[in-house]
């Protein structure tokens, strides 16, 4: 696959993710690096996260249907969390898996406890 094409797609994914996801949400993921790569023969963006629920790599691939496929990868393996994600859904899909979870009350309680600890 052409390197310039892969880097162009990775930059597009990064731009969409950063511009459409609230900044505090991005910070909560503990992102340390963005890398353009090829995954499953698809152009992709890979970045490392240190979230509350998941620590490892997030891989976002552009598939042939103009949707994104999102994978989580760590020492336990690689799993697809969604294979038909629109660009404006990326932040929500990723945040649910690596930081927030599906229980809003539990996450709100966690955030409140963390905020209280910061104020001590």
PDB file of N, CA and C in Angstrom:
ATOM      1  N   UNK A   1       0.855  -1.175   0.000  1.00  0.00           N
ATOM      2  CA  UNK A   1       0.000   0.000   0.000  1.00  0.00           C
ATOM      3  C   UNK A   1       0.900   1.237   0.000  1.00  0.00           C
ATOM      4  N   UNK A   2       0.512   2.235  -0.739  1.00  0.00           N
ATOM      5  CA  UNK A   2       1.297   3.449  -0.878  1.00  0.00           C
ATOM      6  C   UNK A   2       1.414   4.188   0.460  1.00  0.00           C
ATOM      7  N   UNK A   3       2.647   4.490   0.866  1.00  0.00           N
ATOM      8  CA  UNK A   3       2.916   5.125   2.155  1.00  0.00           C
ATOM      9  C   UNK A   3       2.221   6.487   2.279  1.00  0.00           C
ATOM     10  N   UNK A   4       2.271   7.295   1.233  1.00  0.00           N
ATOM     11  CA  UNK A   4       1.644   8.622   1.287  1.00  0.00           C
ATOM     12  C   UNK A   4       0.126   8.511   1.472  1.00  0.00           C
ATOM     13  N   UNK A   5      -0.484   7.538   0.820  1.00  0.00           N
ATOM     14  CA  UNK A   5      -1.922   7.315   0.970  1.00  0.00           C
ATOM     15  C   UNK A   5      -2.253   6.931   2.405  1.00  0.00           C
ATOM     16  N   UNK A   6      -1.475   6.011   2.973  1.00  0.00           N
ATOM     17  CA  UNK A   6      -1.696   5.574   4.359  1.00  0.00           C
ATOM     18  C   UNK A   6      -1.576   6.763   5.311  1.00  0.00           C
ATOM     19  N   UNK A   7      -0.551   7.580   5.138  1.00  0.00           N
ATOM     20  CA  UNK A   7      -0.353   8.747   6.007  1.00  0.00           C
ATOM     21  C   UNK A   7      -1.469   9.776   5.838  1.00  0.00           C
ATOM     22  N   UNK A   8      -1.954   9.951   4.615  1.00  0.00           N
ATOM     23  CA  UNK A   8      -3.064  10.872   4.366  1.00  0.00           C
ATOM     24  C   UNK A   8      -4.334  10.399   5.069  1.00  0.00           C
ATOM     25  N   UNK A   9      -4.640   9.115   4.972  1.00  0.00           N
ATOM     26  CA  UNK A   9      -5.829   8.565   5.641  1.00  0.00           C
ATOM     27  C   UNK A   9      -5.669   8.668   7.151  1.00  0.00           C
ATOM     28  N   UNK A  10      -4.486   8.336   7.673  1.00  0.00           N
ATOM     29  CA  UNK A  10      -4.246   8.411   9.119  1.00  0.00           C
ATOM     30  C   UNK A  10      -4.421   9.844   9.617  1.00  0.00           C
ATOM     31  N   UNK A  11      -3.941  10.801   8.869  1.00  0.00           N
ATOM     32  CA  UNK A  11      -4.090  12.204   9.266  1.00  0.00           C
ATOM     33  C   UNK A  11      -5.554  12.640   9.217  1.00  0.00           C
ATOM     34  N   UNK A  12      -6.299  12.160   8.241  1.00  0.00           N
ATOM     35  CA  UNK A  12      -7.728  12.464   8.161  1.00  0.00           C
ATOM     36  C   UNK A  12      -8.456  11.887   9.377  1.00  0.00           C
ATOM     37  N   UNK A  13      -8.160  10.642   9.729  1.00  0.00           N
ATOM     38  CA  UNK A  13      -8.791  10.015  10.898  1.00  0.00           C
ATOM     39  C   UNK A  13      -8.456  10.807  12.155  1.00  0.00           C
ATOM     40  N   UNK A  14      -7.172  11.131  12.336  1.00  0.00           N
ATOM     41  CA  UNK A  14      -6.744  11.887  13.516  1.00  0.00           C
ATOM     42  C   UNK A  14      -7.463  13.230  13.590  1.00  0.00           C
ATOM     43  N   UNK A  15      -7.534  13.925  12.478  1.00  0.00           N
ATOM     44  CA  UNK A  15      -8.210  15.217  12.443  1.00  0.00           C
ATOM     45  C   UNK A  15      -9.681  15.117  12.814  1.00  0.00           C
ATOM     46  N   UNK A  16     -10.357  14.117  12.273  1.00  0.00           N
ATOM     47  CA  UNK A  16     -11.771  13.933  12.592  1.00  0.00           C
ATOM     48  C   UNK A  16     -11.959  13.585  14.065  1.00  0.00           C
ATOM     49  N   UNK A  17     -11.130  12.690  14.573  1.00  0.00           N
ATOM     50  CA  UNK A  17     -11.239  12.266  15.966  1.00  0.00           C
ATOM     51  C   UNK A  17     -10.996  13.443  16.916  1.00  0.00           C
ATOM     52  N   UNK A  18      -9.945  14.200  16.678  1.00  0.00           N
ATOM     53  CA  UNK A  18      -9.580  15.303  17.568  1.00  0.00           C
ATOM     54  C   UNK A  18     -10.578  16.456  17.481  1.00  0.00           C
ATOM     55  N   UNK A  19     -11.059  16.754  16.288  1.00  0.00           N
ATOM     56  CA  UNK A  19     -11.963  17.903  16.145  1.00  0.00           C
ATOM     57  C   UNK A  19     -13.393  17.601  16.582  1.00  0.00           C
ATOM     58  N   UNK A  20     -13.794  16.328  16.577  1.00  0.00           N
ATOM     59  CA  UNK A  20     -15.177  15.989  16.893  1.00  0.00           C
ATOM     60  C   UNK A  20     -15.366  15.347  18.271  1.00  0.00           C
ATOM     61  N   UNK A  21     -14.281  15.196  19.024  1.00  0.00           N
ATOM     62  CA  UNK A  21     -14.351  14.623  20.367  1.00  0.00           C
ATOM     63  C   UNK A  21     -13.989  15.715  21.363  1.00  0.00           C
ATOM     64  N   UNK A  22     -14.786  15.839  22.416  1.00  0.00           N
ATOM     65  CA  UNK A  22     -14.522  16.875  23.417  1.00  0.00           C
ATOM     66  C   UNK A  22     -13.126  16.693  23.994  1.00  0.00           C
ATOM     67  N   UNK A  23     -12.437  17.813  24.197  1.00  0.00           N
ATOM     68  CA  UNK A  23     -11.060  17.782  24.661  1.00  0.00           C
ATOM     69  C   UNK A  23     -10.883  17.037  25.989  1.00  0.00           C
ATOM     70  N   UNK A  24     -11.743  17.262  27.000  1.00  0.00           N
ATOM     71  CA  UNK A  24     -11.571  16.507  28.253  1.00  0.00           C
ATOM     72  C   UNK A  24     -11.699  14.987  28.054  1.00  0.00           C
ATOM     73  N   UNK A  25     -12.530  14.579  27.104  1.00  0.00           N
ATOM     74  CA  UNK A  25     -12.682  13.150  26.813  1.00  0.00           C
ATOM     75  C   UNK A  25     -11.374  12.612  26.240  1.00  0.00           C
ATOM     76  N   UNK A  26     -10.806  13.329  25.267  1.00  0.00           N
ATOM     77  CA  UNK A  26      -9.523  12.907  24.700  1.00  0.00           C
ATOM     78  C   UNK A  26      -8.446  12.819  25.774  1.00  0.00           C
ATOM     79  N   UNK A  27      -8.405  13.797  26.662  1.00  0.00           N
ATOM     80  CA  UNK A  27      -7.405  13.781  27.733  1.00  0.00           C
ATOM     81  C   UNK A  27      -7.585  12.578  28.651  1.00  0.00           C
ATOM     82  N   UNK A  28      -8.828  12.182  28.893  1.00  0.00           N
ATOM     83  CA  UNK A  28      -9.084  11.058  29.795  1.00  0.00           C
ATOM     84  C   UNK A  28      -8.551   9.739  29.237  1.00  0.00           C
ATOM     85  N   UNK A  29      -8.305   9.669  27.947  1.00  0.00           N
ATOM     86  CA  UNK A  29      -7.802   8.443  27.333  1.00  0.00           C
ATOM     87  C   UNK A  29      -6.307   8.242  27.561  1.00  0.00           C
ATOM     88  N   UNK A  30      -5.584   9.289  27.927  1.00  0.00           N
ATOM     89  CA  UNK A  30      -4.141   9.164  28.130  1.00  0.00           C
ATOM     90  C   UNK A  30      -3.390   8.814  26.854  1.00  0.00           C
ATOM     91  N   UNK A  31      -3.731   9.468  25.758  1.00  0.00           N
ATOM     92  CA  UNK A  31      -3.100   9.199  24.457  1.00  0.00           C
ATOM     93  C   UNK A  31      -1.626   9.595  24.511  1.00  0.00           C
ATOM     94  N   UNK A  32      -0.762   8.708  24.000  1.00  0.00           N
ATOM     95  CA  UNK A  32       0.664   9.017  23.995  1.00  0.00           C
ATOM     96  C   UNK A  32       1.276   9.120  22.610  1.00  0.00           C
ATOM     97  N   UNK A  33       0.653   8.583  21.576  1.00  0.00           N
ATOM     98  CA  UNK A  33       1.239   8.665  20.245  1.00  0.00           C
ATOM     99  C   UNK A  33       0.208   8.346  19.169  1.00  0.00           C
ATOM    100  N   UNK A  34       0.348   8.994  18.027  1.00  0.00           N
ATOM    101  CA  UNK A  34      -0.461   8.686  16.849  1.00  0.00           C
ATOM    102  C   UNK A  34       0.489   8.169  15.769  1.00  0.00           C
ATOM    103  N   UNK A  35       0.133   7.052  15.137  1.00  0.00           N
ATOM    104  CA  UNK A  35       0.984   6.449  14.116  1.00  0.00           C
ATOM    105  C   UNK A  35       0.118   6.030  12.931  1.00  0.00           C
ATOM    106  N   UNK A  36       0.503   6.422  11.722  1.00  0.00           N
ATOM    107  CA  UNK A  36      -0.136   5.929  10.517  1.00  0.00           C
ATOM    108  C   UNK A  36       0.399   4.537  10.222  1.00  0.00           C
ATOM    109  N   UNK A  37      -0.470   3.602   9.890  1.00  0.00           N
ATOM    110  CA  UNK A  37      -0.051   2.218   9.683  1.00  0.00           C
ATOM    111  C   UNK A  37      -1.022   1.508   8.745  1.00  0.00           C
ATOM    112  N   UNK A  38      -0.728   0.266   8.460  1.00  0.00           N
ATOM    113  CA  UNK A  38      -1.625  -0.617   7.706  1.00  0.00           C
ATOM    114  C   UNK A  38      -2.021  -1.747   8.643  1.00  0.00           C
ATOM    115  N   UNK A  39      -3.318  -2.010   8.746  1.00  0.00           N
ATOM    116  CA  UNK A  39      -3.828  -3.079   9.594  1.00  0.00           C
ATOM    117  C   UNK A  39      -4.881  -3.840   8.816  1.00  0.00           C
ATOM    118  N   UNK A  40      -4.722  -5.143   8.706  1.00  0.00           N
ATOM    119  CA  UNK A  40      -5.630  -5.999   7.927  1.00  0.00           C
ATOM    120  C   UNK A  40      -5.764  -5.487   6.489  1.00  0.00           C
ATOM    121  N   UNK A  41      -4.647  -5.077   5.924  1.00  0.00           N
ATOM    122  CA  UNK A  41      -4.572  -4.543   4.555  1.00  0.00           C
ATOM    123  C   UNK A  41      -5.399  -3.279   4.351  1.00  0.00           C
ATOM    124  N   UNK A  42      -5.663  -2.540   5.430  1.00  0.00           N
ATOM    125  CA  UNK A  42      -6.414  -1.281   5.356  1.00  0.00           C
ATOM    126  C   UNK A  42      -5.569  -0.155   5.927  1.00  0.00           C
ATOM    127  N   UNK A  43      -5.678   1.060   5.362  1.00  0.00           N
ATOM    128  CA  UNK A  43      -4.970   2.202   5.945  1.00  0.00           C
ATOM    129  C   UNK A  43      -5.569   2.509   7.315  1.00  0.00           C
ATOM    130  N   UNK A  44      -4.705   2.847   8.265  1.00  0.00           N
ATOM    131  CA  UNK A  44      -5.193   2.976   9.637  1.00  0.00           C
ATOM    132  C   UNK A  44      -4.404   4.010  10.438  1.00  0.00           C
ATOM    133  N   UNK A  45      -5.019   4.414  11.532  1.00  0.00           N
ATOM    134  CA  UNK A  45      -4.378   5.222  12.563  1.00  0.00           C
ATOM    135  C   UNK A  45      -4.311   4.362  13.812  1.00  0.00           C
ATOM    136  N   UNK A  46      -3.141   4.320  14.435  1.00  0.00           N
ATOM    137  CA  UNK A  46      -2.972   3.561  15.673  1.00  0.00           C
ATOM    138  C   UNK A  46      -2.466   4.524  16.744  1.00  0.00           C
ATOM    139  N   UNK A  47      -3.036   4.415  17.938  1.00  0.00           N
ATOM    140  CA  UNK A  47      -2.541   5.226  19.045  1.00  0.00           C
ATOM    141  C   UNK A  47      -2.676   4.460  20.348  1.00  0.00           C
ATOM    142  N   UNK A  48      -1.799   4.800  21.281  1.00  0.00           N
ATOM    143  CA  UNK A  48      -1.782   4.128  22.576  1.00  0.00           C
ATOM    144  C   UNK A  48      -2.656   4.908  23.547  1.00  0.00           C
ATOM    145  N   UNK A  49      -3.436   4.178  24.357  1.00  0.00           N
ATOM    146  CA  UNK A  49      -4.291   4.807  25.370  1.00  0.00           C
ATOM    147  C   UNK A  49      -4.025   4.171  26.728  1.00  0.00           C
ATOM    148  N   UNK A  50      -4.311   4.944  27.758  1.00  0.00           N
ATOM    149  CA  UNK A  50      -4.201   4.481  29.137  1.00  0.00           C
ATOM    150  C   UNK A  50      -5.509   4.851  29.824  1.00  0.00           C
ATOM    151  N   UNK A  51      -6.588   4.212  29.386  1.00  0.00           N
ATOM    152  CA  UNK A  51      -7.917   4.525  29.898  1.00  0.00           C
ATOM    153  C   UNK A  51      -8.245   3.769  31.170  1.00  0.00           C
ATOM    154  N   UNK A  52      -9.370   4.091  31.727  1.00  0.00           N
ATOM    155  CA  UNK A  52      -9.844   3.446  32.957  1.00  0.00           C
ATOM    156  C   UNK A  52     -10.205   1.984  32.718  1.00  0.00           C
ATOM    157  N   UNK A  53     -10.819   1.686  31.584  1.00  0.00           N
ATOM    158  CA  UNK A  53     -11.285   0.328  31.290  1.00  0.00           C
ATOM    159  C   UNK A  53     -10.366  -0.449  30.352  1.00  0.00           C
ATOM    160  N   UNK A  54      -9.524   0.260  29.606  1.00  0.00           N
ATOM    161  CA  UNK A  54      -8.655  -0.407  28.639  1.00  0.00           C
ATOM    162  C   UNK A  54      -7.346   0.351  28.516  1.00  0.00           C
ATOM    163  N   UNK A  55      -6.261  -0.420  28.501  1.00  0.00           N
ATOM    164  CA  UNK A  55      -4.922   0.116  28.274  1.00  0.00           C
ATOM    165  C   UNK A  55      -4.304  -0.669  27.133  1.00  0.00           C
ATOM    166  N   UNK A  56      -3.834   0.026  26.132  1.00  0.00           N
ATOM    167  CA  UNK A  56      -3.247  -0.632  24.968  1.00  0.00           C
ATOM    168  C   UNK A  56      -3.394   0.261  23.755  1.00  0.00           C
ATOM    169  N   UNK A  57      -3.543  -0.358  22.597  1.00  0.00           N
ATOM    170  CA  UNK A  57      -3.650   0.392  21.352  1.00  0.00           C
ATOM    171  C   UNK A  57      -5.081   0.405  20.831  1.00  0.00           C
ATOM    172  N   UNK A  58      -5.464   1.539  20.274  1.00  0.00           N
ATOM    173  CA  UNK A  58      -6.695   1.679  19.499  1.00  0.00           C
ATOM    174  C   UNK A  58      -6.255   1.773  18.043  1.00  0.00           C
ATOM    175  N   UNK A  59      -6.888   1.003  17.184  1.00  0.00           N
ATOM    176  CA  UNK A  59      -6.586   1.017  15.754  1.00  0.00           C
ATOM    177  C   UNK A  59      -7.877   1.344  15.016  1.00  0.00           C
ATOM    178  N   UNK A  60      -7.816   2.391  14.205  1.00  0.00           N
ATOM    179  CA  UNK A  60      -8.981   2.816  13.419  1.00  0.00           C
ATOM    180  C   UNK A  60      -8.616   2.664  11.949  1.00  0.00           C
ATOM    181  N   UNK A  61      -9.343   1.801  11.235  1.00  0.00           N
ATOM    182  CA  UNK A  61      -9.077   1.512   9.827  1.00  0.00           C
ATOM    183  C   UNK A  61     -10.208   2.044   8.957  1.00  0.00           C
ATOM    184  N   UNK A  62      -9.859   2.538   7.791  1.00  0.00           N
ATOM    185  CA  UNK A  62     -10.863   2.921   6.797  1.00  0.00           C
ATOM    186  C   UNK A  62     -11.121   1.714   5.914  1.00  0.00           C
ATOM    187  N   UNK A  63     -12.378   1.223   5.919  1.00  0.00           N
ATOM    188  CA  UNK A  63     -12.664   0.041   5.096  1.00  0.00           C
ATOM    189  C   UNK A  63     -13.200   0.453   3.724  1.00  0.00           C
ATOM    190  N   UNK A  64     -13.438  -0.516   2.871  1.00  0.00           N
ATOM    191  CA  UNK A  64     -13.869  -0.265   1.497  1.00  0.00           C
ATOM    192  C   UNK A  64     -15.253   0.327   1.371  1.00  0.00           C
ATOM    193  N   UNK A  65     -16.014   0.351   2.462  1.00  0.00           N
ATOM    194  CA  UNK A  65     -17.368   0.917   2.449  1.00  0.00           C
ATOM    195  C   UNK A  65     -17.405   2.342   2.978  1.00  0.00           C
ATOM    196  N   UNK A  66     -16.235   2.953   3.143  1.00  0.00           N
ATOM    197  CA  UNK A  66     -16.110   4.308   3.699  1.00  0.00           C
ATOM    198  C   UNK A  66     -16.611   4.416   5.136  1.00  0.00           C
ATOM    199  N   UNK A  67     -16.555   3.325   5.852  1.00  0.00           N
ATOM    200  CA  UNK A  67     -16.795   3.310   7.288  1.00  0.00           C
ATOM    201  C   UNK A  67     -15.475   3.000   7.972  1.00  0.00           C
ATOM    202  N   UNK A  68     -15.429   3.280   9.254  1.00  0.00           N
ATOM    203  CA  UNK A  68     -14.252   2.925  10.040  1.00  0.00           C
ATOM    204  C   UNK A  68     -14.499   1.640  10.799  1.00  0.00           C
ATOM    205  N   UNK A  69     -13.446   0.860  10.921  1.00  0.00           N
ATOM    206  CA  UNK A  69     -13.421  -0.298  11.788  1.00  0.00           C
ATOM    207  C   UNK A  69     -12.537   0.076  12.966  1.00  0.00           C
ATOM    208  N   UNK A  70     -12.984  -0.209  14.186  1.00  0.00           N
ATOM    209  CA  UNK A  70     -12.224   0.161  15.380  1.00  0.00           C
ATOM    210  C   UNK A  70     -11.856  -1.106  16.142  1.00  0.00           C
ATOM    211  N   UNK A  71     -10.560  -1.227  16.422  1.00  0.00           N
ATOM    212  CA  UNK A  71     -10.014  -2.383  17.127  1.00  0.00           C
ATOM    213  C   UNK A  71      -9.304  -1.933  18.398  1.00  0.00           C
ATOM    214  N   UNK A  72      -9.329  -2.792  19.401  1.00  0.00           N
ATOM    215  CA  UNK A  72      -8.528  -2.613  20.606  1.00  0.00           C
ATOM    216  C   UNK A  72      -7.501  -3.737  20.636  1.00  0.00           C
ATOM    217  N   UNK A  73      -6.253  -3.379  20.969  1.00  0.00           N
ATOM    218  CA  UNK A  73      -5.171  -4.361  20.949  1.00  0.00           C
ATOM    219  C   UNK A  73      -4.297  -4.185  22.182  1.00  0.00           C
ATOM    220  N   UNK A  74      -4.057  -5.290  22.886  1.00  0.00           N
ATOM    221  CA  UNK A  74      -3.125  -5.282  24.011  1.00  0.00           C
ATOM    222  C   UNK A  74      -2.518  -6.675  24.131  1.00  0.00           C
ATOM    223  N   UNK A  75      -1.884  -6.970  25.267  1.00  0.00           N
ATOM    224  CA  UNK A  75      -1.239  -8.261  25.455  1.00  0.00           C
ATOM    225  C   UNK A  75      -2.188  -9.442  25.391  1.00  0.00           C
ATOM    226  N   UNK A  76      -3.470  -9.194  25.567  1.00  0.00           N
ATOM    227  CA  UNK A  76      -4.467 -10.266  25.510  1.00  0.00           C
ATOM    228  C   UNK A  76      -4.928 -10.567  24.088  1.00  0.00           C
ATOM    229  N   UNK A  77      -4.589  -9.701  23.143  1.00  0.00           N
ATOM    230  CA  UNK A  77      -4.990  -9.917  21.758  1.00  0.00           C
ATOM    231  C   UNK A  77      -5.609  -8.681  21.141  1.00  0.00           C
ATOM    232  N   UNK A  78      -6.278  -8.890  20.027  1.00  0.00           N
ATOM    233  CA  UNK A  78      -6.920  -7.820  19.273  1.00  0.00           C
ATOM    234  C   UNK A  78      -8.392  -8.162  19.108  1.00  0.00           C
ATOM    235  N   UNK A  79      -9.258  -7.172  19.359  1.00  0.00           N
ATOM    236  CA  UNK A  79     -10.688  -7.413  19.148  1.00  0.00           C
ATOM    237  C   UNK A  79     -11.314  -6.205  18.458  1.00  0.00           C
ATOM    238  N   UNK A  80     -12.238  -6.501  17.564  1.00  0.00           N
ATOM    239  CA  UNK A  80     -12.985  -5.458  16.862  1.00  0.00           C
ATOM    240  C   UNK A  80     -14.138  -5.024  17.755  1.00  0.00           C
ATOM    241  N   UNK A  81     -14.232  -3.730  18.019  1.00  0.00           N
ATOM    242  CA  UNK A  81     -15.346  -3.250  18.835  1.00  0.00           C
ATOM    243  C   UNK A  81     -16.497  -2.732  17.982  1.00  0.00           C
ATOM    244  N   UNK A  82     -16.205  -2.392  16.723  1.00  0.00           N
ATOM    245  CA  UNK A  82     -17.266  -1.958  15.812  1.00  0.00           C
ATOM    246  C   UNK A  82     -16.683  -1.904  14.409  1.00  0.00           C
ATOM    247  N   UNK A  83     -17.402  -2.439  13.432  1.00  0.00           N
ATOM    248  CA  UNK A  83     -16.868  -2.453  12.071  1.00  0.00           C
ATOM    249  C   UNK A  83     -17.623  -1.549  11.101  1.00  0.00           C
ATOM    250  N   UNK A  84     -18.511  -0.700  11.618  1.00  0.00           N
ATOM    251  CA  UNK A  84     -19.229   0.258  10.770  1.00  0.00           C
ATOM    252  C   UNK A  84     -19.438   1.557  11.529  1.00  0.00           C
ATOM    253  N   UNK A  85     -18.358   2.295  11.728  1.00  0.00           N
ATOM    254  CA  UNK A  85     -18.414   3.536  12.494  1.00  0.00           C
ATOM    255  C   UNK A  85     -18.299   4.718  11.534  1.00  0.00           C
ATOM    256  N   UNK A  86     -19.218   5.655  11.643  1.00  0.00           N
ATOM    257  CA  UNK A  86     -19.128   6.907  10.887  1.00  0.00           C
ATOM    258  C   UNK A  86     -18.127   7.827  11.578  1.00  0.00           C
ATOM    259  N   UNK A  87     -17.558   8.744  10.824  1.00  0.00           N
ATOM    260  CA  UNK A  87     -16.521   9.626  11.360  1.00  0.00           C
ATOM    261  C   UNK A  87     -16.974  10.402  12.589  1.00  0.00           C
ATOM    262  N   UNK A  88     -18.238  10.784  12.638  1.00  0.00           N
ATOM    263  CA  UNK A  88     -18.730  11.585  13.757  1.00  0.00           C
ATOM    264  C   UNK A  88     -19.080  10.747  14.982  1.00  0.00           C
ATOM    265  N   UNK A  89     -18.937   9.427  14.895  1.00  0.00           N
ATOM    266  CA  UNK A  89     -19.216   8.520  16.014  1.00  0.00           C
ATOM    267  C   UNK A  89     -17.946   7.978  16.670  1.00  0.00           C
ATOM    268  N   UNK A  90     -16.792   8.272  16.100  1.00  0.00           N
ATOM    269  CA  UNK A  90     -15.547   7.674  16.576  1.00  0.00           C
ATOM    270  C   UNK A  90     -15.300   7.915  18.061  1.00  0.00           C
ATOM    271  N   UNK A  91     -15.398   9.158  18.506  1.00  0.00           N
ATOM    272  CA  UNK A  91     -15.127   9.478  19.903  1.00  0.00           C
ATOM    273  C   UNK A  91     -16.049   8.745  20.854  1.00  0.00           C
ATOM    274  N   UNK A  92     -17.314   8.700  20.535  1.00  0.00           N
ATOM    275  CA  UNK A  92     -18.311   8.026  21.379  1.00  0.00           C
ATOM    276  C   UNK A  92     -18.037   6.529  21.479  1.00  0.00           C
ATOM    277  N   UNK A  93     -17.769   5.888  20.342  1.00  0.00           N
ATOM    278  CA  UNK A  93     -17.518   4.444  20.313  1.00  0.00           C
ATOM    279  C   UNK A  93     -16.263   4.109  21.118  1.00  0.00           C
ATOM    280  N   UNK A  94     -15.209   4.869  20.920  1.00  0.00           N
ATOM    281  CA  UNK A  94     -13.949   4.597  21.613  1.00  0.00           C
ATOM    282  C   UNK A  94     -14.081   4.886  23.104  1.00  0.00           C
ATOM    283  N   UNK A  95     -14.683   6.012  23.462  1.00  0.00           N
ATOM    284  CA  UNK A  95     -14.801   6.380  24.873  1.00  0.00           C
ATOM    285  C   UNK A  95     -15.586   5.338  25.667  1.00  0.00           C
ATOM    286  N   UNK A  96     -16.627   4.820  25.086  1.00  0.00           N
ATOM    287  CA  UNK A  96     -17.440   3.805  25.762  1.00  0.00           C
ATOM    288  C   UNK A  96     -16.604   2.570  26.101  1.00  0.00           C
ATOM    289  N   UNK A  97     -15.669   2.215  25.255  1.00  0.00           N
ATOM    290  CA  UNK A  97     -14.869   0.999  25.456  1.00  0.00           C
ATOM    291  C   UNK A  97     -13.651   1.199  26.346  1.00  0.00           C
ATOM    292  N   UNK A  98     -13.050   2.379  26.322  1.00  0.00           N
ATOM    293  CA  UNK A  98     -11.793   2.524  27.061  1.00  0.00           C
ATOM    294  C   UNK A  98     -11.892   3.361  28.327  1.00  0.00           C
ATOM    295  N   UNK A  99     -12.950   4.152  28.457  1.00  0.00           N
ATOM    296  CA  UNK A  99     -13.021   5.036  29.623  1.00  0.00           C
ATOM    297  C   UNK A  99     -14.369   5.012  30.329  1.00  0.00           C
ATOM    298  N   UNK A 100     -15.444   5.311  29.641  1.00  0.00           N
ATOM    299  CA  UNK A 100     -16.743   5.549  30.267  1.00  0.00           C
ATOM    300  C   UNK A 100     -17.514   4.280  30.601  1.00  0.00           C
ATOM    301  N   UNK A 101     -17.505   3.303  29.720  1.00  0.00           N
ATOM    302  CA  UNK A 101     -18.323   2.114  29.923  1.00  0.00           C
ATOM    303  C   UNK A 101     -19.768   2.378  29.532  1.00  0.00           C
ATOM    304  N   UNK A 102     -20.658   1.469  29.947  1.00  0.00           N
ATOM    305  CA  UNK A 102     -22.063   1.591  29.557  1.00  0.00           C
ATOM    306  C   UNK A 102     -22.964   2.015  30.706  1.00  0.00           C
ATOM    307  N   UNK A 103     -22.429   2.069  31.920  1.00  0.00           N
ATOM    308  CA  UNK A 103     -23.216   2.442  33.097  1.00  0.00           C
ATOM    309  C   UNK A 103     -22.952   3.910  33.445  1.00  0.00           C
ATOM    310  N   UNK A 104     -23.845   4.796  33.000  1.00  0.00           N
ATOM    311  CA  UNK A 104     -23.636   6.234  33.194  1.00  0.00           C
ATOM    312  C   UNK A 104     -23.558   6.599  34.670  1.00  0.00           C
ATOM    313  N   UNK A 105     -24.411   6.036  35.494  1.00  0.00           N
ATOM    314  CA  UNK A 105     -24.401   6.356  36.929  1.00  0.00           C
ATOM    315  C   UNK A 105     -23.073   5.947  37.565  1.00  0.00           C
ATOM    316  N   UNK A 106     -22.571   4.782  37.203  1.00  0.00           N
ATOM    317  CA  UNK A 106     -21.292   4.317  37.752  1.00  0.00           C
ATOM    318  C   UNK A 106     -20.158   5.237  37.331  1.00  0.00           C
ATOM    319  N   UNK A 107     -20.157   5.655  36.065  1.00  0.00           N
ATOM    320  CA  UNK A 107     -19.093   6.540  35.576  1.00  0.00           C
ATOM    321  C   UNK A 107     -19.197   7.920  36.227  1.00  0.00           C
ATOM    322  N   UNK A 108     -20.399   8.438  36.373  1.00  0.00           N
ATOM    323  CA  UNK A 108     -20.573   9.737  37.030  1.00  0.00           C
ATOM    324  C   UNK A 108     -20.062   9.678  38.474  1.00  0.00           C
ATOM    325  N   UNK A 109     -20.328   8.581  39.157  1.00  0.00           N
ATOM    326  CA  UNK A 109     -19.842   8.403  40.530  1.00  0.00           C
ATOM    327  C   UNK A 109     -18.314   8.362  40.546  1.00  0.00           C
ATOM    328  N   UNK A 110     -17.724   7.625  39.628  1.00  0.00           N
ATOM    329  CA  UNK A 110     -16.266   7.554  39.533  1.00  0.00           C
ATOM    330  C   UNK A 110     -15.674   8.945  39.317  1.00  0.00           C
ATOM    331  N   UNK A 111     -16.250   9.712  38.391  1.00  0.00           N
ATOM    332  CA  UNK A 111     -15.742  11.057  38.100  1.00  0.00           C
ATOM    333  C   UNK A 111     -15.869  11.969  39.313  1.00  0.00           C
ATOM    334  N   UNK A 112     -16.981  11.874  39.994  1.00  0.00           N
ATOM    335  CA  UNK A 112     -17.188  12.675  41.207  1.00  0.00           C
ATOM    336  C   UNK A 112     -16.143  12.336  42.275  1.00  0.00           C
ATOM    337  N   UNK A 113     -15.871  11.050  42.460  1.00  0.00           N
ATOM    338  CA  UNK A 113     -14.862  10.623  43.426  1.00  0.00           C
ATOM    339  C   UNK A 113     -13.477  11.118  43.041  1.00  0.00           C
ATOM    340  N   UNK A 114     -13.164  11.053  41.763  1.00  0.00           N
ATOM    341  CA  UNK A 114     -11.864  11.538  41.288  1.00  0.00           C
ATOM    342  C   UNK A 114     -11.728  13.040  41.501  1.00  0.00           C
ATOM    343  N   UNK A 115     -12.798  13.762  41.229  1.00  0.00           N
ATOM    344  CA  UNK A 115     -12.790  15.218  41.417  1.00  0.00           C
ATOM    345  C   UNK A 115     -12.604  15.555  42.894  1.00  0.00           C
ATOM    346  N   UNK A 116     -13.286  14.842  43.779  1.00  0.00           N
ATOM    347  CA  UNK A 116     -13.136  15.059  45.228  1.00  0.00           C
ATOM    348  C   UNK A 116     -11.702  14.813  45.666  1.00  0.00           C
ATOM    349  N   UNK A 117     -11.065  13.774  45.139  1.00  0.00           N
ATOM    350  CA  UNK A 117      -9.683  13.487  45.489  1.00  0.00           C
ATOM    351  C   UNK A 117      -8.744  14.594  45.029  1.00  0.00           C
ATOM    352  N   UNK A 118      -9.034  15.176  43.891  1.00  0.00           N
ATOM    353  CA  UNK A 118      -8.212  16.279  43.388  1.00  0.00           C
ATOM    354  C   UNK A 118      -8.300  17.511  44.285  1.00  0.00           C
ATOM    355  N   UNK A 119      -9.450  17.718  44.878  1.00  0.00           N
ATOM    356  CA  UNK A 119      -9.657  18.893  45.712  1.00  0.00           C
ATOM    357  C   UNK A 119      -9.069  18.746  47.121  1.00  0.00           C
ATOM    358  N   UNK A 120      -8.714  17.525  47.521  1.00  0.00           N
ATOM    359  CA  UNK A 120      -8.162  17.308  48.861  1.00  0.00           C
ATOM    360  C   UNK A 120      -6.763  17.822  48.973  1.00  0.00           C
TER     361      UNK A 120
END
